[in-house]
Amino acid sequence: MMKEIMDHAAITRSITRLSHEIIERNKNLDDVVLVGIKTRGVNLAKRLQAMIQQLSGIELPMGVLNIRPWRDDLVEEVAIEPLDVDVRNKRVILVDDVLYTGRTIRAAMDGLVYFGRPSQIQLAVLVDRGHKEFPIKGDYVGKNIPTSKDEEVIVQLKEVDLQEGVFIQ
């Protein structure tokens, strides 16, 4: 049975709050770039980009990162997809839906460095569910949801899933 933790309105409020925090922390947005981790991180990055533009009048460049080539749990060769934004000497805000063990973010950081050395990497996640295996912490977190290891956090976004919410199963 799935228990709803966040509905569409709560996700929207989180995106708005995260956007305000990003603007506040990065006084000058000239060298800030958003990079969404496939799949739902991309949709969240697009929402952050739109909200930041609405609040600041600045459209941040945005790229899409497929982390599969840098994962430590895959053995097959995976082609590296180009990153369509320049991250060299930029403050990169990496965006994902759920922060769990930190392995996805570690792979994403390896991928970013492959494409050029950012001056800084910040992390924005919709949900932090705990249980880290790497010392990785979100700079911007929509909601901390304590979970057990046998629970699953499911994020559904209308762009991908045709419905919206965060659930625990």
Protein backbone atom coordinates (compact mmCIF):
# COMPACT_ATOMS: atom_id res chain seq x y z
CA MET A 1 0.00 0.00 0.00
CA MET A 2 1.32 3.44 -0.93
CA LYS A 3 1.11 6.29 1.54
CA GLU A 4 1.11 9.79 0.05
CA ILE A 5 3.75 12.05 1.61
CA MET A 6 3.54 15.01 -0.81
CA ASP A 7 0.81 15.98 -3.25
CA HIS A 8 1.09 18.29 -6.26
CA ALA A 9 0.64 21.42 -4.11
CA ALA A 10 3.36 20.33 -1.66
CA ILE A 11 5.78 19.61 -4.54
CA THR A 12 5.05 23.03 -6.03
CA ARG A 13 5.63 24.74 -2.66
CA SER A 14 8.94 22.88 -2.32
CA ILE A 15 10.08 23.96 -5.80
CA THR A 16 9.19 27.57 -4.94
CA ARG A 17 11.08 27.42 -1.63
CA LEU A 18 14.10 25.72 -3.20
CA SER A 19 14.16 28.41 -5.92
CA HIS A 20 14.18 31.17 -3.29
CA GLU A 21 17.01 29.39 -1.42
CA ILE A 22 19.07 29.01 -4.61
CA ILE A 23 18.67 32.71 -5.44
CA GLU A 24 19.53 33.72 -1.87
CA ARG A 25 22.63 31.53 -1.61
CA ASN A 26 23.94 32.41 -5.08
CA LYS A 27 23.79 36.21 -5.00
CA ASN A 28 25.07 36.49 -8.55
CA LEU A 29 23.45 33.93 -10.86
CA ASP A 30 25.70 34.71 -13.85
CA ASP A 31 27.83 31.58 -13.48
CA VAL A 32 25.15 29.21 -12.14
CA VAL A 33 24.05 26.23 -14.24
CA LEU A 34 21.33 23.67 -13.48
CA VAL A 35 21.99 20.02 -14.36
CA GLY A 36 19.16 17.53 -14.01
CA ILE A 37 19.88 13.84 -13.51
CA LYS A 38 17.81 11.67 -15.84
CA THR A 39 14.87 11.14 -15.54
CA ARG A 40 12.89 12.97 -12.87
CA GLY A 41 15.79 15.22 -11.92
CA VAL A 42 15.51 16.76 -15.38
CA ASN A 43 11.83 17.62 -14.87
CA LEU A 44 12.56 19.09 -11.43
CA ALA A 45 15.46 21.12 -12.88
CA LYS A 46 13.12 22.53 -15.55
CA ARG A 47 10.65 23.54 -12.85
CA LEU A 48 13.42 25.18 -10.81
CA GLN A 49 14.65 26.97 -13.93
CA ALA A 50 11.16 28.35 -14.64
CA MET A 51 10.56 29.43 -11.02
CA ILE A 52 14.01 31.05 -10.70
CA GLN A 53 13.35 32.95 -13.92
CA GLN A 54 9.94 34.04 -12.62
CA LEU A 55 11.48 35.26 -9.33
CA SER A 56 14.75 36.77 -10.61
CA GLY A 57 14.20 37.47 -14.28
CA ILE A 58 17.25 35.31 -15.11
CA GLU A 59 17.00 32.11 -17.14
CA LEU A 60 19.68 29.74 -15.89
CA PRO A 61 21.30 27.45 -18.47
CA MET A 62 20.25 23.84 -17.97
CA GLY A 63 21.68 20.50 -18.99
CA VAL A 64 20.68 16.85 -18.79
CA LEU A 65 23.04 14.25 -17.32
CA ASN A 66 22.74 10.52 -17.88
CA ILE A 67 24.82 9.01 -15.06
CA ARG A 68 24.75 5.39 -16.29
CA PRO A 69 28.38 5.41 -17.56
CA TRP A 70 29.62 6.41 -14.08
CA ARG A 71 27.52 4.05 -11.94
CA ASP A 72 29.43 1.57 -9.80
CA ASP A 73 26.77 -1.14 -10.00
CA LEU A 74 26.61 -1.61 -13.78
CA VAL A 75 29.02 -3.82 -15.66
CA GLU A 76 27.90 -3.26 -19.26
CA GLU A 77 29.45 -0.54 -21.39
CA VAL A 78 27.17 2.47 -21.70
CA ALA A 79 27.74 5.22 -24.26
CA ILE A 80 28.39 8.66 -22.81
CA GLU A 81 25.71 11.12 -23.87
CA PRO A 82 26.91 14.69 -24.42
CA LEU A 83 26.12 17.27 -21.75
CA ASP A 84 24.43 20.15 -23.55
CA VAL A 85 25.65 22.83 -21.16
CA ASP A 86 29.15 24.05 -20.28
CA VAL A 87 30.02 23.30 -16.65
CA ARG A 88 33.68 24.43 -16.71
CA ASN A 89 34.30 26.98 -13.94
CA LYS A 90 30.54 27.20 -13.25
CA ARG A 91 28.59 26.76 -10.04
CA VAL A 92 26.57 23.69 -10.93
CA ILE A 93 23.35 22.88 -9.13
CA LEU A 94 22.81 19.16 -9.57
CA VAL A 95 19.10 18.26 -9.35
CA ASP A 96 17.57 14.88 -8.52
CA ASP A 97 14.31 13.57 -7.11
CA VAL A 98 15.46 11.35 -4.19
CA LEU A 99 18.68 11.33 -2.19
CA TYR A 100 19.16 7.87 -0.71
CA THR A 101 22.58 6.19 -0.47
CA GLY A 102 24.46 8.95 -2.31
CA ARG A 103 25.70 6.58 -5.03
CA THR A 104 23.69 8.30 -7.78
CA ILE A 105 25.09 11.69 -6.77
CA ARG A 106 28.64 10.33 -6.61
CA ALA A 107 28.21 9.01 -10.16
CA ALA A 108 26.75 12.37 -11.26
CA MET A 109 29.73 14.25 -9.81
CA ASP A 110 32.10 11.94 -11.71
CA GLY A 111 30.09 12.68 -14.86
CA LEU A 112 30.21 16.45 -14.31
CA VAL A 113 33.98 16.39 -13.83
CA TYR A 114 34.33 14.31 -17.01
CA PHE A 115 32.75 17.21 -18.95
CA GLY A 116 34.83 19.94 -17.27
CA ARG A 117 35.80 21.06 -13.81
CA PRO A 118 33.01 23.06 -12.16
CA SER A 119 34.04 25.72 -9.64
CA GLN A 120 31.43 24.30 -7.25
CA ILE A 121 28.76 21.60 -7.17
CA GLN A 122 25.62 22.14 -5.10
CA LEU A 123 22.86 19.56 -4.71
CA ALA A 124 19.10 20.13 -4.86
CA VAL A 125 16.77 17.19 -4.16
CA LEU A 126 13.04 16.97 -3.71
CA VAL A 127 13.32 14.25 -1.05
CA ASP A 128 16.12 13.13 1.29
CA ARG A 129 15.22 9.74 2.73
CA GLY A 130 18.38 9.02 4.72
CA HIS A 131 20.53 5.84 4.73
CA LYS A 132 23.67 7.40 3.21
CA GLU A 133 26.56 5.20 2.09
CA PHE A 134 28.60 8.22 0.97
CA PRO A 135 29.10 11.51 2.85
CA ILE A 136 26.73 13.42 0.56
CA LYS A 137 24.21 15.96 1.82
CA GLY A 138 21.69 18.05 -0.09
CA ASP A 139 22.28 21.80 -0.12
CA TYR A 140 18.63 22.34 -0.97
CA VAL A 141 16.12 19.73 0.23
CA GLY A 142 12.39 19.84 -0.42
CA LYS A 143 11.49 17.38 2.33
CA ASN A 144 13.34 15.05 4.69
CA ILE A 145 11.43 11.78 4.94
CA PRO A 146 12.75 9.25 7.46
CA THR A 147 12.33 5.76 6.02
CA SER A 148 13.32 2.20 6.75
CA LYS A 149 15.57 0.42 4.27
CA ASP A 150 12.73 -1.88 3.19
CA GLU A 151 10.49 1.03 2.27
CA GLU A 152 10.55 2.55 -1.18
CA VAL A 153 10.10 6.25 -1.94
CA ILE A 154 8.27 6.77 -5.21
CA VAL A 155 8.25 10.19 -6.87
CA GLN A 156 5.70 10.68 -9.61
CA LEU A 157 5.79 13.78 -11.79
CA LYS A 158 3.10 14.64 -14.32
CA GLU A 159 5.67 15.06 -17.13
CA VAL A 160 6.75 11.40 -16.77
CA ASP A 161 4.03 9.58 -14.85
CA LEU A 162 0.92 11.61 -15.81
CA GLN A 163 0.18 12.09 -12.10
CA GLU A 164 1.99 13.80 -9.29
CA GLY A 165 2.98 12.94 -5.75
CA VAL A 166 5.59 11.46 -3.43
CA PHE A 167 4.69 8.13 -1.89
CA ILE A 168 6.17 5.58 0.50
CA GLN A 169 5.54 1.93 -0.22
